[in-house]
Amino acid sequence: MAISTALVKELREATGAGILDCKKALQETDGDLEKAVEILRRQGLAAAQKHWGREAKEGLIEAYVHTGNRIGALVELNCETDFVARTPEFGQLARDLAMQVVGYGPKYIRREDVPPEVLEQERAIYCAQAEREGKPSHVIERIVEGRLGKFYEEVCLLEQPFIRNGDVKVGDVIAQMIAAVGENIVVRRFARFELGEE
């Protein structure tokens, strides 16, 4: 099947992948845009995984202050080289993440950062809720796991829906950037400030 240039361009704009990768994905899926996006996402995540272990010491600190100057955030986003840190795409990602911190108010970067005592407290609350709802004991554990998944989405930055596209998680957006630039990218830390908050 012949793939039109317009279709390749549309896929490239949607995914940020290279032209040849877009064309190949479209050929594999006979021009099905949704399936091609899925193929490119899988390839991007696989490519990103190769870079996750590398040390990232360069980068930048980005600030975002919401209109009205009542809420703001600082985010440290690291990469491997200052060359990547100076690119507009990296700067935009850092700005988006600072905006994400202001808008969604995460407390931790990743699941592994949630303290065990907080996790146990949440687990106990969800278990008690399920018991009060009269759920059978063999189903309660699955219900608790499902509710913990929602908890992670609320409190962990990388698990949250991305502020610019709620269909993808923040972690997936970072993985796509890793695949695009060929370097590890890490959210090192963040701080959120709200006027009058202790």
Foldseek 3Di string as FASTA:
>chain_A
DDDDPVLLVVLCVVQVDDSVLSRVLCVVVVNDSVSSNVVVLVVLLVLLVVAAVDDWDDADKDKDADPPRFKIKIWTKTWHDVVVRPDPVRVVLNHQLRVLCRPQVAAEAAPVPPDPVVLVVLLVVQLVVCVVVVHDPVCSVVSSVVVVLVVRCRHHQQNDQRPVGSVDGSVSVQSSVCSNVVIHMDGPDMDMGGPPDD
